[in-house]
Amino acid sequence: MRGPNGCGKSTFARTLLGLIPALSGTIQWDASHHCRWVPQQLPLTDDFPISVRDIVELGLWDTPDSGSAFKGLKPRYNGSKSMKQKVTEILQRVGLDGMENRRFARLSGGEQRRALIARALVSDAECIVLDEPMNGVDIQGRDSLGSLISSLAENPETLFFVITHDSSWIPVTPRCYLDLTTNGEITLEESC
């Protein structure tokens, strides 16, 4: 989804996922899809004692802020692999292997985003909504993170819904763009 800053992109997506109630109108969305919300950041102080592994393991639970249609704190894990092994594999996949014991709040913006993406991936989500994934990420991190998101989006079993005000960082052509204007108009532009 593209649109200028402040036009309501994040609010629209959070409403779509049921994280906040609609102020008016209705949204029809198949809630049977398992979606995960990847926020711009988590408001944690440097001394908050939560590790990268802890953040990723939270993806194994359905929490009220996860974007999951299943509310409440319930285990999502299916038990096919040990939890530790699954989290380790996901950390390697997003380029954070060896960083699992570092404090989350002390990571760079790009590393925090990778950990939040890992939290969504470990849940086996069918839909991952990334809210301004490049916000607060330096130039070098943007290239690396853009490549990661593009490679993850090649998986046809997972829909990546990216919210951004600047789509120039996306190294592949998305299937479509959902454009939101400052006056609330939404248009769909197919890329293919």
N, C-alpha and C. Protein backbone atom coordinates (compact mmCIF):
# COMPACT_ATOMS: atom_id res chain seq x y z
N MET A 1 0.85 -1.16 0.00
CA MET A 1 0.00 0.00 0.00
C MET A 1 0.90 1.23 0.00
N ARG A 2 0.63 2.13 -0.92
CA ARG A 2 1.41 3.37 -1.02
C ARG A 2 0.54 4.56 -0.68
N GLY A 3 1.20 5.62 -0.26
CA GLY A 3 0.51 6.87 0.01
C GLY A 3 1.39 7.78 0.83
N PRO A 4 1.07 9.07 0.84
CA PRO A 4 1.90 10.02 1.59
C PRO A 4 1.81 9.79 3.10
N ASN A 5 2.82 10.29 3.81
CA ASN A 5 2.80 10.19 5.27
C ASN A 5 1.53 10.82 5.82
N GLY A 6 0.94 10.17 6.82
CA GLY A 6 -0.21 10.73 7.50
C GLY A 6 -1.54 10.54 6.81
N CYS A 7 -1.59 9.78 5.71
CA CYS A 7 -2.87 9.64 4.99
C CYS A 7 -3.74 8.51 5.53
N GLY A 8 -3.23 7.71 6.46
CA GLY A 8 -4.04 6.67 7.08
C GLY A 8 -3.74 5.25 6.63
N LYS A 9 -2.58 5.03 6.02
CA LYS A 9 -2.23 3.69 5.54
C LYS A 9 -2.18 2.68 6.69
N SER A 10 -1.46 3.01 7.74
CA SER A 10 -1.33 2.09 8.88
C SER A 10 -2.67 1.89 9.57
N THR A 11 -3.42 2.95 9.72
CA THR A 11 -4.74 2.85 10.35
C THR A 11 -5.65 1.95 9.54
N PHE A 12 -5.63 2.11 8.21
CA PHE A 12 -6.44 1.25 7.35
C PHE A 12 -6.05 -0.22 7.52
N ALA A 13 -4.74 -0.50 7.49
CA ALA A 13 -4.28 -1.89 7.61
C ALA A 13 -4.60 -2.47 8.98
N ARG A 14 -4.41 -1.69 10.04
CA ARG A 14 -4.72 -2.18 11.39
C ARG A 14 -6.22 -2.43 11.55
N THR A 15 -7.04 -1.62 10.89
CA THR A 15 -8.48 -1.84 10.91
C THR A 15 -8.83 -3.10 10.14
N LEU A 16 -8.19 -3.29 9.00
CA LEU A 16 -8.40 -4.48 8.18
C LEU A 16 -8.09 -5.75 8.98
N LEU A 17 -7.04 -5.70 9.79
CA LEU A 17 -6.65 -6.86 10.59
C LEU A 17 -7.45 -7.01 11.88
N GLY A 18 -8.29 -6.03 12.18
CA GLY A 18 -9.09 -6.09 13.40
C GLY A 18 -8.34 -5.68 14.65
N LEU A 19 -7.20 -5.01 14.47
CA LEU A 19 -6.43 -4.56 15.63
C LEU A 19 -7.04 -3.31 16.26
N ILE A 20 -7.74 -2.53 15.45
CA ILE A 20 -8.49 -1.38 15.95
C ILE A 20 -9.87 -1.41 15.28
N PRO A 21 -10.90 -0.89 15.95
CA PRO A 21 -12.23 -0.91 15.35
C PRO A 21 -12.39 0.17 14.27
N ALA A 22 -13.21 -0.11 13.29
CA ALA A 22 -13.52 0.88 12.26
C ALA A 22 -14.38 1.98 12.87
N LEU A 23 -14.09 3.23 12.53
CA LEU A 23 -14.88 4.35 13.03
C LEU A 23 -16.21 4.45 12.29
N SER A 24 -16.21 4.03 11.02
CA SER A 24 -17.44 4.00 10.24
C SER A 24 -17.25 3.05 9.08
N GLY A 25 -18.34 2.67 8.45
CA GLY A 25 -18.27 1.77 7.31
C GLY A 25 -17.98 0.34 7.74
N THR A 26 -17.78 -0.50 6.76
CA THR A 26 -17.49 -1.90 7.03
C THR A 26 -16.33 -2.36 6.17
N ILE A 27 -15.63 -3.35 6.67
CA ILE A 27 -14.55 -3.98 5.92
C ILE A 27 -14.84 -5.47 5.91
N GLN A 28 -14.83 -6.06 4.72
CA GLN A 28 -15.02 -7.49 4.61
C GLN A 28 -13.67 -8.13 4.36
N TRP A 29 -13.29 -9.02 5.24
CA TRP A 29 -11.98 -9.65 5.19
C TRP A 29 -12.14 -11.07 5.68
N ASP A 30 -11.57 -12.02 4.98
CA ASP A 30 -11.65 -13.41 5.38
C ASP A 30 -10.73 -13.62 6.58
N ALA A 31 -11.30 -13.65 7.76
CA ALA A 31 -10.53 -13.74 9.00
C ALA A 31 -9.92 -15.12 9.21
N SER A 32 -10.20 -16.08 8.32
CA SER A 32 -9.60 -17.40 8.49
C SER A 32 -8.12 -17.39 8.14
N HIS A 33 -7.67 -16.37 7.40
CA HIS A 33 -6.25 -16.25 7.08
C HIS A 33 -5.48 -15.87 8.33
N HIS A 34 -4.37 -16.52 8.52
CA HIS A 34 -3.54 -16.22 9.68
C HIS A 34 -2.57 -15.10 9.29
N CYS A 35 -2.85 -13.90 9.77
CA CYS A 35 -2.04 -12.72 9.44
C CYS A 35 -1.24 -12.27 10.65
N ARG A 36 -0.10 -11.67 10.37
CA ARG A 36 0.72 -11.08 11.43
C ARG A 36 1.09 -9.66 11.05
N TRP A 37 1.04 -8.79 12.03
CA TRP A 37 1.36 -7.37 11.91
C TRP A 37 2.81 -7.18 12.31
N VAL A 38 3.59 -6.53 11.45
CA VAL A 38 4.97 -6.20 11.77
C VAL A 38 5.02 -4.68 11.91
N PRO A 39 5.05 -4.18 13.15
CA PRO A 39 5.01 -2.73 13.37
C PRO A 39 6.31 -2.05 12.96
N GLN A 40 6.27 -0.72 12.89
CA GLN A 40 7.49 0.04 12.58
C GLN A 40 8.53 -0.16 13.67
N GLN A 41 8.10 -0.24 14.89
CA GLN A 41 9.03 -0.44 16.01
C GLN A 41 8.26 -0.89 17.24
N LEU A 42 8.99 -1.41 18.21
CA LEU A 42 8.42 -1.71 19.52
C LEU A 42 8.99 -0.68 20.48
N PRO A 43 8.15 -0.01 21.26
CA PRO A 43 8.63 1.05 22.16
C PRO A 43 9.27 0.48 23.42
N LEU A 44 10.49 -0.01 23.28
CA LEU A 44 11.21 -0.58 24.42
C LEU A 44 12.44 0.26 24.72
N THR A 45 12.73 0.45 25.99
CA THR A 45 13.94 1.18 26.37
C THR A 45 15.15 0.24 26.28
N ASP A 46 16.34 0.83 26.20
CA ASP A 46 17.57 0.05 26.07
C ASP A 46 17.76 -0.97 27.19
N ASP A 47 17.22 -0.66 28.37
CA ASP A 47 17.43 -1.56 29.50
C ASP A 47 16.31 -2.58 29.67
N PHE A 48 15.34 -2.60 28.77
CA PHE A 48 14.26 -3.59 28.88
C PHE A 48 14.85 -4.97 28.59
N PRO A 49 14.74 -5.91 29.52
CA PRO A 49 15.45 -7.19 29.41
C PRO A 49 14.75 -8.23 28.54
N ILE A 50 14.65 -7.95 27.24
CA ILE A 50 14.08 -8.94 26.34
C ILE A 50 15.06 -9.13 25.18
N SER A 51 15.35 -10.38 24.91
CA SER A 51 16.35 -10.71 23.89
C SER A 51 15.69 -10.85 22.51
N VAL A 52 16.54 -10.93 21.51
CA VAL A 52 16.06 -11.16 20.14
C VAL A 52 15.29 -12.48 20.10
N ARG A 53 15.83 -13.53 20.73
CA ARG A 53 15.13 -14.83 20.75
C ARG A 53 13.76 -14.69 21.41
N ASP A 54 13.68 -13.94 22.51
CA ASP A 54 12.40 -13.74 23.19
C ASP A 54 11.38 -13.10 22.26
N ILE A 55 11.81 -12.08 21.51
CA ILE A 55 10.92 -11.39 20.58
C ILE A 55 10.41 -12.37 19.52
N VAL A 56 11.31 -13.16 18.96
CA VAL A 56 10.92 -14.11 17.91
C VAL A 56 9.99 -15.18 18.47
N GLU A 57 10.28 -15.68 19.67
CA GLU A 57 9.43 -16.71 20.28
C GLU A 57 8.01 -16.21 20.53
N LEU A 58 7.83 -14.90 20.69
CA LEU A 58 6.47 -14.37 20.85
C LEU A 58 5.61 -14.67 19.63
N GLY A 59 6.23 -14.88 18.48
CA GLY A 59 5.49 -15.25 17.28
C GLY A 59 4.83 -16.61 17.37
N LEU A 60 5.26 -17.43 18.32
CA LEU A 60 4.67 -18.75 18.51
C LEU A 60 3.37 -18.68 19.31
N TRP A 61 2.98 -17.47 19.69
CA TRP A 61 1.75 -17.25 20.46
C TRP A 61 0.84 -16.31 19.70
N ASP A 62 -0.45 -16.52 19.81
CA ASP A 62 -1.42 -15.57 19.26
C ASP A 62 -1.73 -14.56 20.35
N THR A 63 -1.32 -13.33 20.12
CA THR A 63 -1.52 -12.27 21.09
C THR A 63 -2.47 -11.24 20.50
N PRO A 64 -3.13 -10.44 21.33
CA PRO A 64 -4.09 -9.47 20.81
C PRO A 64 -3.50 -8.46 19.83
N ASP A 65 -2.18 -8.22 19.87
CA ASP A 65 -1.58 -7.22 18.98
C ASP A 65 -0.84 -7.85 17.80
N SER A 66 -1.00 -9.14 17.59
CA SER A 66 -0.23 -9.82 16.56
C SER A 66 -0.84 -9.71 15.17
N GLY A 67 -2.09 -9.30 15.09
CA GLY A 67 -2.76 -9.29 13.80
C GLY A 67 -3.47 -10.60 13.55
N SER A 68 -3.44 -11.47 14.52
CA SER A 68 -4.09 -12.76 14.37
C SER A 68 -5.58 -12.63 14.65
N ALA A 69 -6.36 -13.37 13.90
CA ALA A 69 -7.80 -13.38 14.14
C ALA A 69 -8.13 -14.11 15.43
N PHE A 70 -7.18 -14.85 15.96
CA PHE A 70 -7.38 -15.61 17.18
C PHE A 70 -6.88 -14.78 18.35
N LYS A 71 -7.78 -14.22 19.13
CA LYS A 71 -7.39 -13.30 20.20
C LYS A 71 -7.08 -14.06 21.48
N GLY A 72 -6.29 -13.46 22.31
CA GLY A 72 -5.91 -14.07 23.57
C GLY A 72 -4.55 -14.72 23.43
N LEU A 73 -3.95 -15.05 24.53
CA LEU A 73 -2.63 -15.64 24.52
C LEU A 73 -2.77 -17.14 24.39
N LYS A 74 -2.62 -17.64 23.17
CA LYS A 74 -2.76 -19.07 22.90
C LYS A 74 -1.57 -19.54 22.08
N PRO A 75 -1.08 -20.74 22.38
CA PRO A 75 0.05 -21.23 21.58
C PRO A 75 -0.36 -21.50 20.14
N ARG A 76 0.47 -21.09 19.21
CA ARG A 76 0.25 -21.32 17.79
C ARG A 76 1.10 -22.47 17.30
N TYR A 77 2.09 -22.82 18.04
CA TYR A 77 3.09 -23.78 17.63
C TYR A 77 2.47 -25.16 17.42
N ASN A 78 2.81 -25.81 16.28
CA ASN A 78 2.21 -27.11 15.96
C ASN A 78 3.03 -28.30 16.42
N GLY A 79 4.25 -28.07 16.92
CA GLY A 79 5.04 -29.14 17.50
C GLY A 79 5.83 -29.98 16.52
N SER A 80 5.86 -29.65 15.23
CA SER A 80 6.58 -30.47 14.27
C SER A 80 8.09 -30.40 14.45
N LYS A 81 8.62 -29.32 14.97
CA LYS A 81 10.04 -29.18 15.29
C LYS A 81 10.13 -28.63 16.69
N SER A 82 11.27 -28.80 17.30
CA SER A 82 11.40 -28.19 18.61
C SER A 82 11.34 -26.68 18.44
N MET A 83 10.77 -26.01 19.42
CA MET A 83 10.64 -24.56 19.34
C MET A 83 12.00 -23.90 19.16
N LYS A 84 12.98 -24.34 19.90
CA LYS A 84 14.30 -23.74 19.82
C LYS A 84 14.89 -23.89 18.42
N GLN A 85 14.74 -25.06 17.83
CA GLN A 85 15.27 -25.30 16.48
C GLN A 85 14.56 -24.43 15.45
N LYS A 86 13.25 -24.33 15.57
CA LYS A 86 12.48 -23.52 14.61
C LYS A 86 12.90 -22.05 14.70
N VAL A 87 13.02 -21.51 15.90
CA VAL A 87 13.42 -20.12 16.08
C VAL A 87 14.83 -19.91 15.54
N THR A 88 15.74 -20.85 15.81
CA THR A 88 17.11 -20.75 15.32
C THR A 88 17.14 -20.70 13.79
N GLU A 89 16.35 -21.55 13.14
CA GLU A 89 16.30 -21.57 11.67
C GLU A 89 15.77 -20.25 11.11
N ILE A 90 14.75 -19.69 11.75
CA ILE A 90 14.18 -18.42 11.28
C ILE A 90 15.19 -17.29 11.48
N LEU A 91 15.89 -17.28 12.61
CA LEU A 91 16.91 -16.26 12.85
C LEU A 91 18.01 -16.32 11.77
N GLN A 92 18.40 -17.51 11.39
CA GLN A 92 19.38 -17.66 10.31
C GLN A 92 18.81 -17.14 8.99
N ARG A 93 17.56 -17.44 8.74
CA ARG A 93 16.90 -17.04 7.49
C ARG A 93 16.86 -15.52 7.32
N VAL A 94 16.68 -14.80 8.43
CA VAL A 94 16.59 -13.34 8.34
C VAL A 94 17.93 -12.65 8.60
N GLY A 95 18.99 -13.44 8.78
CA GLY A 95 20.32 -12.86 8.95
C GLY A 95 20.65 -12.41 10.36
N LEU A 96 20.02 -13.00 11.36
CA LEU A 96 20.30 -12.63 12.75
C LEU A 96 20.92 -13.77 13.55
N ASP A 97 21.45 -14.79 12.87
CA ASP A 97 22.07 -15.88 13.61
C ASP A 97 23.26 -15.34 14.39
N GLY A 98 23.41 -15.84 15.60
CA GLY A 98 24.46 -15.37 16.49
C GLY A 98 24.06 -14.14 17.30
N MET A 99 22.87 -13.59 17.04
CA MET A 99 22.43 -12.39 17.75
C MET A 99 21.26 -12.68 18.69
N GLU A 100 20.91 -13.94 18.85
CA GLU A 100 19.70 -14.28 19.59
C GLU A 100 19.70 -13.85 21.05
N ASN A 101 20.87 -13.68 21.66
CA ASN A 101 20.92 -13.29 23.07
C ASN A 101 21.12 -11.79 23.29
N ARG A 102 21.24 -11.04 22.22
CA ARG A 102 21.37 -9.58 22.36
C ARG A 102 20.04 -8.97 22.76
N ARG A 103 20.10 -7.86 23.47
CA ARG A 103 18.86 -7.15 23.82
C ARG A 103 18.26 -6.53 22.57
N PHE A 104 16.98 -6.76 22.40
CA PHE A 104 16.26 -6.29 21.22
C PHE A 104 16.39 -4.78 21.06
N ALA A 105 16.20 -4.04 22.13
CA ALA A 105 16.19 -2.57 22.06
C ALA A 105 17.54 -1.99 21.68
N ARG A 106 18.59 -2.76 21.79
CA ARG A 106 19.94 -2.27 21.47
C ARG A 106 20.35 -2.58 20.03
N LEU A 107 19.48 -3.21 19.27
CA LEU A 107 19.77 -3.51 17.87
C LEU A 107 19.59 -2.25 17.02
N SER A 108 20.19 -2.24 15.83
CA SER A 108 19.95 -1.15 14.89
C SER A 108 18.52 -1.23 14.39
N GLY A 109 18.05 -0.19 13.72
CA GLY A 109 16.69 -0.19 13.18
C GLY A 109 16.44 -1.35 12.23
N GLY A 110 17.41 -1.62 11.35
CA GLY A 110 17.27 -2.73 10.40
C GLY A 110 17.27 -4.08 11.08
N GLU A 111 18.11 -4.24 12.12
CA GLU A 111 18.14 -5.51 12.86
C GLU A 111 16.84 -5.72 13.63
N GLN A 112 16.31 -4.65 14.21
CA GLN A 112 15.01 -4.78 14.90
C GLN A 112 13.93 -5.20 13.92
N ARG A 113 13.94 -4.61 12.73
CA ARG A 113 12.93 -4.98 11.73
C ARG A 113 13.06 -6.44 11.34
N ARG A 114 14.30 -6.94 11.20
CA ARG A 114 14.52 -8.35 10.88
C ARG A 114 13.97 -9.25 11.99
N ALA A 115 14.16 -8.86 13.26
CA ALA A 115 13.65 -9.65 14.37
C ALA A 115 12.11 -9.67 14.36
N LEU A 116 11.51 -8.54 14.04
CA LEU A 116 10.04 -8.48 13.99
C LEU A 116 9.50 -9.29 12.81
N ILE A 117 10.22 -9.30 11.70
CA ILE A 117 9.84 -10.15 10.56
C ILE A 117 9.97 -11.62 10.95
N ALA A 118 11.05 -11.95 11.67
CA ALA A 118 11.25 -13.33 12.15
C ALA A 118 10.10 -13.74 13.06
N ARG A 119 9.64 -12.81 13.91
CA ARG A 119 8.50 -13.11 14.81
C ARG A 119 7.27 -13.48 14.00
N ALA A 120 7.06 -12.81 12.86
CA ALA A 120 5.92 -13.13 12.00
C ALA A 120 6.14 -14.45 11.26
N LEU A 121 7.35 -14.67 10.78
CA LEU A 121 7.64 -15.90 10.03
C LEU A 121 7.53 -17.15 10.89
N VAL A 122 7.97 -17.07 12.14
CA VAL A 122 7.96 -18.26 13.00
C VAL A 122 6.53 -18.71 13.28
N SER A 123 5.56 -17.86 13.08
CA SER A 123 4.16 -18.21 13.33
C SER A 123 3.51 -18.92 12.16
N ASP A 124 4.27 -19.11 11.07
CA ASP A 124 3.72 -19.71 9.84
C ASP A 124 2.54 -18.91 9.31
N ALA A 125 2.65 -17.59 9.38
CA ALA A 125 1.57 -16.71 8.91
C ALA A 125 1.37 -16.85 7.41
N GLU A 126 0.13 -16.75 6.98
CA GLU A 126 -0.20 -16.78 5.55
C GLU A 126 -0.13 -15.38 4.96
N CYS A 127 -0.18 -14.38 5.82
CA CYS A 127 -0.16 -12.98 5.40
C CYS A 127 0.67 -12.20 6.42
N ILE A 128 1.66 -11.46 5.93
CA ILE A 128 2.49 -10.64 6.80
C ILE A 128 2.36 -9.19 6.34
N VAL A 129 1.92 -8.33 7.26
CA VAL A 129 1.72 -6.92 6.97
C VAL A 129 2.88 -6.14 7.58
N LEU A 130 3.70 -5.53 6.71
CA LEU A 130 4.87 -4.76 7.14
C LEU A 130 4.55 -3.28 7.11
N ASP A 131 4.58 -2.64 8.26
CA ASP A 131 4.27 -1.22 8.36
C ASP A 131 5.55 -0.39 8.22
N GLU A 132 5.71 0.28 7.08
CA GLU A 132 6.87 1.14 6.81
C GLU A 132 8.17 0.46 7.22
N PRO A 133 8.51 -0.68 6.59
CA PRO A 133 9.67 -1.44 7.04
C PRO A 133 11.00 -0.70 6.93
N MET A 134 11.09 0.34 6.11
CA MET A 134 12.35 1.06 5.96
C MET A 134 12.47 2.28 6.87
N ASN A 135 11.44 2.55 7.65
CA ASN A 135 11.47 3.70 8.55
C ASN A 135 12.54 3.48 9.62
N GLY A 136 13.48 4.41 9.74
CA GLY A 136 14.53 4.32 10.74
C GLY A 136 15.67 3.39 10.37
N VAL A 137 15.76 3.00 9.10
CA VAL A 137 16.83 2.10 8.65
C VAL A 137 17.77 2.90 7.76
N ASP A 138 19.09 2.77 8.00
CA ASP A 138 20.06 3.51 7.20
C ASP A 138 20.16 2.96 5.78
N ILE A 139 20.89 3.67 4.90
CA ILE A 139 20.97 3.32 3.48
C ILE A 139 21.47 1.89 3.28
N GLN A 140 22.55 1.52 3.94
CA GLN A 140 23.08 0.17 3.79
C GLN A 140 22.07 -0.86 4.27
N GLY A 141 21.43 -0.59 5.38
CA GLY A 141 20.42 -1.50 5.91
C GLY A 141 19.21 -1.61 5.00
N ARG A 142 18.86 -0.51 4.32
CA ARG A 142 17.71 -0.52 3.41
C ARG A 142 17.93 -1.50 2.27
N ASP A 143 19.14 -1.50 1.69
CA ASP A 143 19.43 -2.42 0.58
C ASP A 143 19.32 -3.87 1.05
N SER A 144 19.93 -4.16 2.18
CA SER A 144 19.95 -5.51 2.72
C SER A 144 18.54 -5.96 3.11
N LEU A 145 17.80 -5.09 3.80
CA LEU A 145 16.45 -5.42 4.24
C LEU A 145 15.51 -5.56 3.04
N GLY A 146 15.68 -4.69 2.04
CA GLY A 146 14.86 -4.80 0.83
C GLY A 146 15.07 -6.12 0.12
N SER A 147 16.32 -6.56 0.05
CA SER A 147 16.62 -7.86 -0.56
C SER A 147 16.00 -9.00 0.24
N LEU A 148 16.06 -8.92 1.57
CA LEU A 148 15.46 -9.95 2.41
C LEU A 148 13.96 -10.02 2.18
N ILE A 149 13.29 -8.88 2.22
CA ILE A 149 11.83 -8.86 2.04
C ILE A 149 11.46 -9.41 0.66
N SER A 150 12.22 -9.02 -0.36
CA SER A 150 11.94 -9.51 -1.71
C SER A 150 12.12 -11.02 -1.81
N SER A 151 13.18 -11.55 -1.19
CA SER A 151 13.39 -13.00 -1.25
C SER A 151 12.31 -13.74 -0.47
N LEU A 152 11.89 -13.20 0.67
CA LEU A 152 10.82 -13.84 1.44
C LEU A 152 9.50 -13.80 0.68
N ALA A 153 9.26 -12.71 -0.05
CA ALA A 153 8.00 -12.55 -0.78
C ALA A 153 7.90 -13.48 -1.98
N GLU A 154 9.00 -14.13 -2.36
CA GLU A 154 8.95 -15.09 -3.46
C GLU A 154 8.18 -16.35 -3.09
N ASN A 155 7.98 -16.58 -1.80
CA ASN A 155 7.21 -17.74 -1.34
C ASN A 155 5.74 -17.52 -1.69
N PRO A 156 5.18 -18.33 -2.61
CA PRO A 156 3.79 -18.12 -3.02
C PRO A 156 2.76 -18.43 -1.93
N GLU A 157 3.19 -19.07 -0.84
CA GLU A 157 2.26 -19.43 0.23
C GLU A 157 2.05 -18.30 1.24
N THR A 158 2.86 -17.25 1.14
CA THR A 158 2.75 -16.13 2.08
C THR A 158 2.54 -14.83 1.31
N LEU A 159 1.51 -14.10 1.68
CA LEU A 159 1.24 -12.79 1.09
C LEU A 159 1.95 -11.74 1.92
N PHE A 160 2.77 -10.91 1.29
CA PHE A 160 3.41 -9.79 1.96
C PHE A 160 2.68 -8.53 1.55
N PHE A 161 2.13 -7.85 2.54
CA PHE A 161 1.38 -6.61 2.35
C PHE A 161 2.26 -5.52 2.96
N VAL A 162 2.87 -4.70 2.10
CA VAL A 162 3.84 -3.71 2.56
C VAL A 162 3.21 -2.32 2.52
N ILE A 163 3.30 -1.62 3.64
CA ILE A 163 2.83 -0.25 3.74
C ILE A 163 4.05 0.65 3.63
N THR A 164 4.00 1.61 2.68
CA THR A 164 5.15 2.49 2.51
C THR A 164 4.73 3.81 1.87
N HIS A 165 5.48 4.85 2.17
CA HIS A 165 5.26 6.13 1.48
C HIS A 165 6.26 6.28 0.34
N ASP A 166 7.24 5.36 0.27
CA ASP A 166 8.28 5.41 -0.76
C ASP A 166 8.53 4.00 -1.26
N SER A 167 7.98 3.65 -2.40
CA SER A 167 8.12 2.29 -2.92
C SER A 167 9.37 2.11 -3.76
N SER A 168 10.23 3.12 -3.85
CA SER A 168 11.43 3.03 -4.68
C SER A 168 12.44 2.00 -4.14
N TRP A 169 12.37 1.63 -2.87
CA TRP A 169 13.29 0.68 -2.28
C TRP A 169 12.97 -0.76 -2.65
N ILE A 170 11.78 -1.02 -3.16
CA ILE A 170 11.36 -2.39 -3.44
C ILE A 170 12.08 -2.87 -4.70
N PRO A 171 12.98 -3.87 -4.59
CA PRO A 171 13.79 -4.28 -5.74
C PRO A 171 13.07 -5.15 -6.76
N VAL A 172 11.86 -5.56 -6.48
CA VAL A 172 11.08 -6.35 -7.45
C VAL A 172 9.76 -5.64 -7.70
N THR A 173 9.11 -5.98 -8.78
CA THR A 173 7.82 -5.38 -9.07
C THR A 173 6.73 -6.13 -8.32
N PRO A 174 6.03 -5.46 -7.40
CA PRO A 174 4.93 -6.11 -6.68
C PRO A 174 3.80 -6.50 -7.64
N ARG A 175 2.97 -7.42 -7.19
CA ARG A 175 1.82 -7.84 -8.00
C ARG A 175 0.86 -6.70 -8.23
N CYS A 176 0.72 -5.84 -7.23
CA CYS A 176 -0.17 -4.69 -7.37
C CYS A 176 0.18 -3.65 -6.31
N TYR A 177 -0.32 -2.45 -6.54
CA TYR A 177 -0.21 -1.37 -5.57
C TYR A 177 -1.60 -0.95 -5.16
N LEU A 178 -1.80 -0.79 -3.88
CA LEU A 178 -3.02 -0.21 -3.35
C LEU A 178 -2.62 1.19 -2.92
N ASP A 179 -3.16 2.19 -3.62
CA ASP A 179 -2.79 3.58 -3.34
C ASP A 179 -3.86 4.25 -2.50
N LEU A 180 -3.43 4.95 -1.46
CA LEU A 180 -4.31 5.68 -0.57
C LEU A 180 -3.94 7.15 -0.64
N THR A 181 -4.92 8.01 -0.84
CA THR A 181 -4.66 9.44 -0.95
C THR A 181 -5.00 10.13 0.37
N THR A 182 -4.59 11.39 0.48
CA THR A 182 -4.86 12.14 1.71
C THR A 182 -6.35 12.39 1.93
N ASN A 183 -7.15 12.30 0.87
CA ASN A 183 -8.60 12.50 1.06
C ASN A 183 -9.34 11.17 1.22
N GLY A 184 -8.61 10.07 1.41
CA GLY A 184 -9.23 8.79 1.71
C GLY A 184 -9.60 7.93 0.53
N GLU A 185 -9.25 8.34 -0.67
CA GLU A 185 -9.55 7.51 -1.85
C GLU A 185 -8.55 6.38 -1.96
N ILE A 186 -9.06 5.20 -2.30
CA ILE A 186 -8.20 4.03 -2.47
C ILE A 186 -8.35 3.54 -3.91
N THR A 187 -7.22 3.31 -4.56
CA THR A 187 -7.23 2.77 -5.92
C THR A 187 -6.28 1.58 -5.99
N LEU A 188 -6.57 0.67 -6.89
CA LEU A 188 -5.76 -0.51 -7.08
C LEU A 188 -5.09 -0.40 -8.44
N GLU A 189 -3.76 -0.52 -8.45
CA GLU A 189 -3.00 -0.48 -9.69
C GLU A 189 -2.28 -1.81 -9.83
N GLU A 190 -2.67 -2.60 -10.82
CA GLU A 190 -2.01 -3.88 -11.03
C GLU A 190 -0.71 -3.66 -11.76
N SER A 191 0.33 -4.38 -11.36
CA SER A 191 1.65 -4.22 -11.96
C SER A 191 1.85 -5.08 -13.19
N CYS A 192 1.13 -6.21 -13.25
CA CYS A 192 1.36 -7.10 -14.39
C CYS A 192 0.30 -6.95 -15.45
